[in-house]
Amino acid sequence: ELIKLNGSIELAPIVGLSEVIVDIVETGSTLRENGLTVLEEICPLSARVVVNPVSMKMDNARITQLIQAMRANLPGDRI
């Protein structure tokens, strides 16, 4: 049986709601803090910035500034 949970789903096995969970994790630290381990990676995921071509032309400076700000706050291997 599959059930959809929102929020802190790593608590589901702890409180007996599930035997396993599928979660999107960045570092896995929350899983470890709750005594859980990764059994299998289903697939790699990445975040994307999608910009409407017209918006990129009309508001290029602001969008470029936003992208640069995001890059400045991400580790180099994550860009």
PDB file of N, CA and C in Angstrom:
ATOM      1  N   GLU A   1       0.847  -1.176   0.000  1.00  0.00           N
ATOM      2  CA  GLU A   1       0.000   0.000   0.000  1.00  0.00           C
ATOM      3  C   GLU A   1       0.889   1.235   0.000  1.00  0.00           C
ATOM      4  N   LEU A   2       0.554   2.211  -0.826  1.00  0.00           N
ATOM      5  CA  LEU A   2       1.264   3.485  -0.874  1.00  0.00           C
ATOM      6  C   LEU A   2       0.405   4.565  -0.241  1.00  0.00           C
ATOM      7  N   ILE A   3       1.024   5.373   0.608  1.00  0.00           N
ATOM      8  CA  ILE A   3       0.323   6.520   1.177  1.00  0.00           C
ATOM      9  C   ILE A   3       1.180   7.757   0.956  1.00  0.00           C
ATOM     10  N   LYS A   4       0.543   8.876   0.678  1.00  0.00           N
ATOM     11  CA  LYS A   4       1.258  10.128   0.467  1.00  0.00           C
ATOM     12  C   LYS A   4       1.315  10.884   1.785  1.00  0.00           C
ATOM     13  N   LEU A   5       2.520  11.261   2.165  1.00  0.00           N
ATOM     14  CA  LEU A   5       2.721  12.052   3.375  1.00  0.00           C
ATOM     15  C   LEU A   5       3.411  13.351   2.998  1.00  0.00           C
ATOM     16  N   ASN A   6       3.129  14.392   3.726  1.00  0.00           N
ATOM     17  CA  ASN A   6       3.797  15.673   3.541  1.00  0.00           C
ATOM     18  C   ASN A   6       4.480  16.055   4.839  1.00  0.00           C
ATOM     19  N   GLY A   7       5.540  16.821   4.709  1.00  0.00           N
ATOM     20  CA  GLY A   7       6.221  17.280   5.912  1.00  0.00           C
ATOM     21  C   GLY A   7       7.359  16.361   6.300  1.00  0.00           C
ATOM     22  N   SER A   8       7.518  16.137   7.573  1.00  0.00           N
ATOM     23  CA  SER A   8       8.631  15.347   8.107  1.00  0.00           C
ATOM     24  C   SER A   8       8.352  13.855   7.961  1.00  0.00           C
ATOM     25  N   ILE A   9       8.469  13.366   6.733  1.00  0.00           N
ATOM     26  CA  ILE A   9       8.095  11.972   6.490  1.00  0.00           C
ATOM     27  C   ILE A   9       9.058  10.979   7.116  1.00  0.00           C
ATOM     28  N   GLU A  10      10.253  11.438   7.503  1.00  0.00           N
ATOM     29  CA  GLU A  10      11.194  10.524   8.150  1.00  0.00           C
ATOM     30  C   GLU A  10      10.667  10.034   9.498  1.00  0.00           C
ATOM     31  N   LEU A  11       9.626  10.673  10.001  1.00  0.00           N
ATOM     32  CA  LEU A  11       9.016  10.226  11.256  1.00  0.00           C
ATOM     33  C   LEU A  11       8.055   9.061  11.055  1.00  0.00           C
ATOM     34  N   ALA A  12       7.608   8.826   9.815  1.00  0.00           N
ATOM     35  CA  ALA A  12       6.614   7.778   9.544  1.00  0.00           C
ATOM     36  C   ALA A  12       7.041   6.400  10.047  1.00  0.00           C
ATOM     37  N   PRO A  13       8.267   5.938   9.782  1.00  0.00           N
ATOM     38  CA  PRO A  13       8.654   4.625  10.307  1.00  0.00           C
ATOM     39  C   PRO A  13       8.770   4.614  11.838  1.00  0.00           C
ATOM     40  N   ILE A  14       9.154   5.735  12.400  1.00  0.00           N
ATOM     41  CA  ILE A  14       9.342   5.820  13.851  1.00  0.00           C
ATOM     42  C   ILE A  14       8.015   5.671  14.584  1.00  0.00           C
ATOM     43  N   VAL A  15       6.956   6.269  14.033  1.00  0.00           N
ATOM     44  CA  VAL A  15       5.644   6.202  14.691  1.00  0.00           C
ATOM     45  C   VAL A  15       4.779   5.057  14.169  1.00  0.00           C
ATOM     46  N   GLY A  16       5.350   4.223  13.301  1.00  0.00           N
ATOM     47  CA  GLY A  16       4.638   3.043  12.836  1.00  0.00           C
ATOM     48  C   GLY A  16       3.706   3.248  11.658  1.00  0.00           C
ATOM     49  N   LEU A  17       3.796   4.390  10.969  1.00  0.00           N
ATOM     50  CA  LEU A  17       2.956   4.629   9.792  1.00  0.00           C
ATOM     51  C   LEU A  17       3.436   3.859   8.564  1.00  0.00           C
ATOM     52  N   SER A  18       4.732   3.537   8.526  1.00  0.00           N
ATOM     53  CA  SER A  18       5.271   2.851   7.352  1.00  0.00           C
ATOM     54  C   SER A  18       6.495   2.037   7.730  1.00  0.00           C
ATOM     55  N   GLU A  19       6.836   1.112   6.836  1.00  0.00           N
ATOM     56  CA  GLU A  19       8.063   0.342   7.008  1.00  0.00           C
ATOM     57  C   GLU A  19       9.227   1.034   6.308  1.00  0.00           C
ATOM     58  N   VAL A  20       8.932   1.682   5.179  1.00  0.00           N
ATOM     59  CA  VAL A  20       9.943   2.412   4.413  1.00  0.00           C
ATOM     60  C   VAL A  20       9.335   3.721   3.916  1.00  0.00           C
ATOM     61  N   ILE A  21      10.210   4.646   3.512  1.00  0.00           N
ATOM     62  CA  ILE A  21       9.757   5.910   2.930  1.00  0.00           C
ATOM     63  C   ILE A  21      10.556   6.187   1.662  1.00  0.00           C
ATOM     64  N   VAL A  22      10.002   7.001   0.793  1.00  0.00           N
ATOM     65  CA  VAL A  22      10.723   7.555  -0.352  1.00  0.00           C
ATOM     66  C   VAL A  22      10.768   9.051  -0.104  1.00  0.00           C
ATOM     67  N   ASP A  23      11.969   9.617  -0.119  1.00  0.00           N
ATOM     68  CA  ASP A  23      12.117  11.027   0.210  1.00  0.00           C
ATOM     69  C   ASP A  23      13.167  11.650  -0.691  1.00  0.00           C
ATOM     70  N   ILE A  24      13.049  12.924  -0.936  1.00  0.00           N
ATOM     71  CA  ILE A  24      14.075  13.682  -1.642  1.00  0.00           C
ATOM     72  C   ILE A  24      14.985  14.259  -0.570  1.00  0.00           C
ATOM     73  N   VAL A  25      16.250  13.861  -0.590  1.00  0.00           N
ATOM     74  CA  VAL A  25      17.185  14.317   0.432  1.00  0.00           C
ATOM     75  C   VAL A  25      18.357  15.047  -0.208  1.00  0.00           C
ATOM     76  N   GLU A  26      18.922  15.961   0.554  1.00  0.00           N
ATOM     77  CA  GLU A  26      20.093  16.684   0.071  1.00  0.00           C
ATOM     78  C   GLU A  26      21.357  16.055   0.630  1.00  0.00           C
ATOM     79  N   THR A  27      21.431  15.935   1.941  1.00  0.00           N
ATOM     80  CA  THR A  27      22.633  15.377   2.559  1.00  0.00           C
ATOM     81  C   THR A  27      22.374  14.059   3.272  1.00  0.00           C
ATOM     82  N   GLY A  28      21.139  13.794   3.638  1.00  0.00           N
ATOM     83  CA  GLY A  28      20.818  12.581   4.381  1.00  0.00           C
ATOM     84  C   GLY A  28      20.964  12.729   5.883  1.00  0.00           C
ATOM     85  N   SER A  29      21.339  13.922   6.350  1.00  0.00           N
ATOM     86  CA  SER A  29      21.572  14.109   7.787  1.00  0.00           C
ATOM     87  C   SER A  29      20.293  13.938   8.605  1.00  0.00           C
ATOM     88  N   THR A  30      19.157  14.402   8.098  1.00  0.00           N
ATOM     89  CA  THR A  30      17.898  14.239   8.834  1.00  0.00           C
ATOM     90  C   THR A  30      17.527  12.769   8.948  1.00  0.00           C
ATOM     91  N   LEU A  31      17.782  12.007   7.885  1.00  0.00           N
ATOM     92  CA  LEU A  31      17.525  10.566   7.954  1.00  0.00           C
ATOM     93  C   LEU A  31      18.380   9.933   9.047  1.00  0.00           C
ATOM     94  N   ARG A  32      19.673  10.239   9.033  1.00  0.00           N
ATOM     95  CA  ARG A  32      20.586   9.673  10.045  1.00  0.00           C
ATOM     96  C   ARG A  32      20.190  10.097  11.456  1.00  0.00           C
ATOM     97  N   GLU A  33      19.787  11.360  11.613  1.00  0.00           N
ATOM     98  CA  GLU A  33      19.374  11.848  12.936  1.00  0.00           C
ATOM     99  C   GLU A  33      18.174  11.076  13.472  1.00  0.00           C
ATOM    100  N   ASN A  34      17.381  10.511  12.564  1.00  0.00           N
ATOM    101  CA  ASN A  34      16.207   9.740  12.964  1.00  0.00           C
ATOM    102  C   ASN A  34      16.451   8.238  12.904  1.00  0.00           C
ATOM    103  N   GLY A  35      17.722   7.843  12.807  1.00  0.00           N
ATOM    104  CA  GLY A  35      18.076   6.427  12.835  1.00  0.00           C
ATOM    105  C   GLY A  35      17.739   5.669  11.567  1.00  0.00           C
ATOM    106  N   LEU A  36      17.601   6.368  10.446  1.00  0.00           N
ATOM    107  CA  LEU A  36      17.266   5.730   9.175  1.00  0.00           C
ATOM    108  C   LEU A  36      18.489   5.685   8.268  1.00  0.00           C
ATOM    109  N   THR A  37      18.507   4.730   7.351  1.00  0.00           N
ATOM    110  CA  THR A  37      19.586   4.631   6.375  1.00  0.00           C
ATOM    111  C   THR A  37      18.989   4.516   4.977  1.00  0.00           C
ATOM    112  N   VAL A  38      19.730   4.968   3.985  1.00  0.00           N
ATOM    113  CA  VAL A  38      19.289   4.877   2.595  1.00  0.00           C
ATOM    114  C   VAL A  38      19.463   3.434   2.135  1.00  0.00           C
ATOM    115  N   LEU A  39      18.381   2.824   1.675  1.00  0.00           N
ATOM    116  CA  LEU A  39      18.439   1.460   1.146  1.00  0.00           C
ATOM    117  C   LEU A  39      18.848   1.466  -0.318  1.00  0.00           C
ATOM    118  N   GLU A  40      18.299   2.412  -1.081  1.00  0.00           N
ATOM    119  CA  GLU A  40      18.562   2.463  -2.514  1.00  0.00           C
ATOM    120  C   GLU A  40      18.250   3.858  -3.030  1.00  0.00           C
ATOM    121  N   GLU A  41      19.107   4.357  -3.916  1.00  0.00           N
ATOM    122  CA  GLU A  41      18.813   5.623  -4.586  1.00  0.00           C
ATOM    123  C   GLU A  41      17.976   5.307  -5.815  1.00  0.00           C
ATOM    124  N   ILE A  42      16.797   5.890  -5.880  1.00  0.00           N
ATOM    125  CA  ILE A  42      15.890   5.628  -6.999  1.00  0.00           C
ATOM    126  C   ILE A  42      16.365   6.361  -8.248  1.00  0.00           C
ATOM    127  N   CYS A  43      16.668   7.647  -8.101  1.00  0.00           N
ATOM    128  CA  CYS A  43      17.186   8.412  -9.233  1.00  0.00           C
ATOM    129  C   CYS A  43      17.768   9.725  -8.721  1.00  0.00           C
ATOM    130  N   PRO A  44      18.775  10.252  -9.425  1.00  0.00           N
ATOM    131  CA  PRO A  44      19.312  11.559  -9.038  1.00  0.00           C
ATOM    132  C   PRO A  44      18.352  12.668  -9.471  1.00  0.00           C
ATOM    133  N   LEU A  45      18.289  13.714  -8.691  1.00  0.00           N
ATOM    134  CA  LEU A  45      17.420  14.852  -8.996  1.00  0.00           C
ATOM    135  C   LEU A  45      18.234  16.131  -8.983  1.00  0.00           C
ATOM    136  N   SER A  46      17.742  17.133  -9.678  1.00  0.00           N
ATOM    137  CA  SER A  46      18.385  18.439  -9.635  1.00  0.00           C
ATOM    138  C   SER A  46      17.326  19.524  -9.764  1.00  0.00           C
ATOM    139  N   ALA A  47      17.655  20.676  -9.245  1.00  0.00           N
ATOM    140  CA  ALA A  47      16.754  21.827  -9.346  1.00  0.00           C
ATOM    141  C   ALA A  47      17.143  22.635 -10.577  1.00  0.00           C
ATOM    142  N   ARG A  48      16.167  23.206 -11.231  1.00  0.00           N
ATOM    143  CA  ARG A  48      16.399  23.998 -12.439  1.00  0.00           C
ATOM    144  C   ARG A  48      15.708  25.347 -12.315  1.00  0.00           C
ATOM    145  N   VAL A  49      16.327  26.355 -12.889  1.00  0.00           N
ATOM    146  CA  VAL A  49      15.690  27.663 -13.011  1.00  0.00           C
ATOM    147  C   VAL A  49      15.149  27.739 -14.436  1.00  0.00           C
ATOM    148  N   VAL A  50      13.866  27.930 -14.569  1.00  0.00           N
ATOM    149  CA  VAL A  50      13.229  28.010 -15.883  1.00  0.00           C
ATOM    150  C   VAL A  50      12.699  29.430 -16.061  1.00  0.00           C
ATOM    151  N   VAL A  51      13.105  30.058 -17.144  1.00  0.00           N
ATOM    152  CA  VAL A  51      12.713  31.446 -17.393  1.00  0.00           C
ATOM    153  C   VAL A  51      12.010  31.535 -18.746  1.00  0.00           C
ATOM    154  N   ASN A  52      10.890  32.201 -18.761  1.00  0.00           N
ATOM    155  CA  ASN A  52      10.171  32.479 -19.998  1.00  0.00           C
ATOM    156  C   ASN A  52      11.071  33.340 -20.888  1.00  0.00           C
ATOM    157  N   PRO A  53      11.257  32.988 -22.170  1.00  0.00           N
ATOM    158  CA  PRO A  53      12.142  33.760 -23.050  1.00  0.00           C
ATOM    159  C   PRO A  53      11.791  35.249 -23.127  1.00  0.00           C
ATOM    160  N   VAL A  54      10.515  35.570 -23.120  1.00  0.00           N
ATOM    161  CA  VAL A  54      10.106  36.978 -23.171  1.00  0.00           C
ATOM    162  C   VAL A  54      10.525  37.685 -21.883  1.00  0.00           C
ATOM    163  N   SER A  55      10.317  37.033 -20.746  1.00  0.00           N
ATOM    164  CA  SER A  55      10.724  37.625 -19.466  1.00  0.00           C
ATOM    165  C   SER A  55      12.230  37.825 -19.423  1.00  0.00           C
ATOM    166  N   MET A  56      12.981  36.870 -19.963  1.00  0.00           N
ATOM    167  CA  MET A  56      14.438  36.989 -19.959  1.00  0.00           C
ATOM    168  C   MET A  56      14.885  38.204 -20.765  1.00  0.00           C
ATOM    169  N   LYS A  57      14.184  38.498 -21.855  1.00  0.00           N
ATOM    170  CA  LYS A  57      14.523  39.681 -22.654  1.00  0.00           C
ATOM    171  C   LYS A  57      14.076  40.966 -21.967  1.00  0.00           C
ATOM    172  N   MET A  58      12.887  40.950 -21.391  1.00  0.00           N
ATOM    173  CA  MET A  58      12.320  42.161 -20.802  1.00  0.00           C
ATOM    174  C   MET A  58      12.933  42.504 -19.447  1.00  0.00           C
ATOM    175  N   ASP A  59      13.349  41.491 -18.693  1.00  0.00           N
ATOM    176  CA  ASP A  59      13.822  41.712 -17.322  1.00  0.00           C
ATOM    177  C   ASP A  59      15.153  41.004 -17.088  1.00  0.00           C
ATOM    178  N   ASN A  60      16.018  41.043 -18.094  1.00  0.00           N
ATOM    179  CA  ASN A  60      17.274  40.304 -18.068  1.00  0.00           C
ATOM    180  C   ASN A  60      18.142  40.638 -16.865  1.00  0.00           C
ATOM    181  N   ALA A  61      18.292  41.908 -16.564  1.00  0.00           N
ATOM    182  CA  ALA A  61      19.185  42.312 -15.474  1.00  0.00           C
ATOM    183  C   ALA A  61      18.732  41.732 -14.137  1.00  0.00           C
ATOM    184  N   ARG A  62      17.456  41.830 -13.845  1.00  0.00           N
ATOM    185  CA  ARG A  62      16.946  41.333 -12.559  1.00  0.00           C
ATOM    186  C   ARG A  62      17.053  39.811 -12.476  1.00  0.00           C
ATOM    187  N   ILE A  63      16.724  39.118 -13.562  1.00  0.00           N
ATOM    188  CA  ILE A  63      16.793  37.655 -13.565  1.00  0.00           C
ATOM    189  C   ILE A  63      18.240  37.193 -13.454  1.00  0.00           C
ATOM    190  N   THR A  64      19.138  37.840 -14.185  1.00  0.00           N
ATOM    191  CA  THR A  64      20.559  37.502 -14.111  1.00  0.00           C
ATOM    192  C   THR A  64      21.089  37.730 -12.702  1.00  0.00           C
ATOM    193  N   GLN A  65      20.679  38.819 -12.070  1.00  0.00           N
ATOM    194  CA  GLN A  65      21.095  39.110 -10.697  1.00  0.00           C
ATOM    195  C   GLN A  65      20.600  38.026  -9.744  1.00  0.00           C
ATOM    196  N   LEU A  66      19.373  37.580  -9.918  1.00  0.00           N
ATOM    197  CA  LEU A  66      18.818  36.519  -9.081  1.00  0.00           C
ATOM    198  C   LEU A  66      19.607  35.222  -9.251  1.00  0.00           C
ATOM    199  N   ILE A  67      19.916  34.863 -10.487  1.00  0.00           N
ATOM    200  CA  ILE A  67      20.685  33.640 -10.752  1.00  0.00           C
ATOM    201  C   ILE A  67      22.074  33.744 -10.137  1.00  0.00           C
ATOM    202  N   GLN A  68      22.717  34.890 -10.265  1.00  0.00           N
ATOM    203  CA  GLN A  68      24.043  35.086  -9.676  1.00  0.00           C
ATOM    204  C   GLN A  68      23.989  34.988  -8.154  1.00  0.00           C
ATOM    205  N   ALA A  69      22.942  35.522  -7.550  1.00  0.00           N
ATOM    206  CA  ALA A  69      22.791  35.435  -6.093  1.00  0.00           C
ATOM    207  C   ALA A  69      22.626  33.985  -5.655  1.00  0.00           C
ATOM    208  N   MET A  70      21.856  33.208  -6.407  1.00  0.00           N
ATOM    209  CA  MET A  70      21.695  31.788  -6.067  1.00  0.00           C
ATOM    210  C   MET A  70      23.019  31.054  -6.204  1.00  0.00           C
ATOM    211  N   ARG A  71      23.760  31.312  -7.275  1.00  0.00           N
ATOM    212  CA  ARG A  71      25.060  30.662  -7.472  1.00  0.00           C
ATOM    213  C   ARG A  71      26.029  31.009  -6.348  1.00  0.00           C
ATOM    214  N   ALA A  72      25.994  32.240  -5.891  1.00  0.00           N
ATOM    215  CA  ALA A  72      26.905  32.676  -4.831  1.00  0.00           C
ATOM    216  C   ALA A  72      26.632  31.959  -3.516  1.00  0.00           C
ATOM    217  N   ASN A  73      25.416  31.450  -3.346  1.00  0.00           N
ATOM    218  CA  ASN A  73      25.045  30.802  -2.095  1.00  0.00           C
ATOM    219  C   ASN A  73      25.014  29.285  -2.180  1.00  0.00           C
ATOM    220  N   LEU A  74      25.466  28.720  -3.301  1.00  0.00           N
ATOM    221  CA  LEU A  74      25.527  27.270  -3.454  1.00  0.00           C
ATOM    222  C   LEU A  74      26.979  26.831  -3.515  1.00  0.00           C
ATOM    223  N   PRO A  75      27.282  25.666  -2.955  1.00  0.00           N
ATOM    224  CA  PRO A  75      28.650  25.148  -3.088  1.00  0.00           C
ATOM    225  C   PRO A  75      29.008  24.981  -4.566  1.00  0.00           C
ATOM    226  N   GLY A  76      30.275  25.132  -4.901  1.00  0.00           N
ATOM    227  CA  GLY A  76      30.728  25.084  -6.286  1.00  0.00           C
ATOM    228  C   GLY A  76      30.336  23.843  -7.046  1.00  0.00           C
ATOM    229  N   ASP A  77      30.290  22.695  -6.377  1.00  0.00           N
ATOM    230  CA  ASP A  77      29.960  21.457  -7.076  1.00  0.00           C
ATOM    231  C   ASP A  77      28.466  21.307  -7.309  1.00  0.00           C
ATOM    232  N   ARG A  78      27.661  22.255  -6.877  1.00  0.00           N
ATOM    233  CA  ARG A  78      26.208  22.153  -6.997  1.00  0.00           C
ATOM    234  C   ARG A  78      25.665  23.069  -8.084  1.00  0.00           C
ATOM    235  N   ILE A  79      26.534  23.757  -8.801  1.00  0.00           N
ATOM    236  CA  ILE A  79      26.072  24.728  -9.800  1.00  0.00           C
ATOM    237  C   ILE A  79      25.956  24.054 -11.153  1.00  0.00           C
TER     238      ILE A  79
END
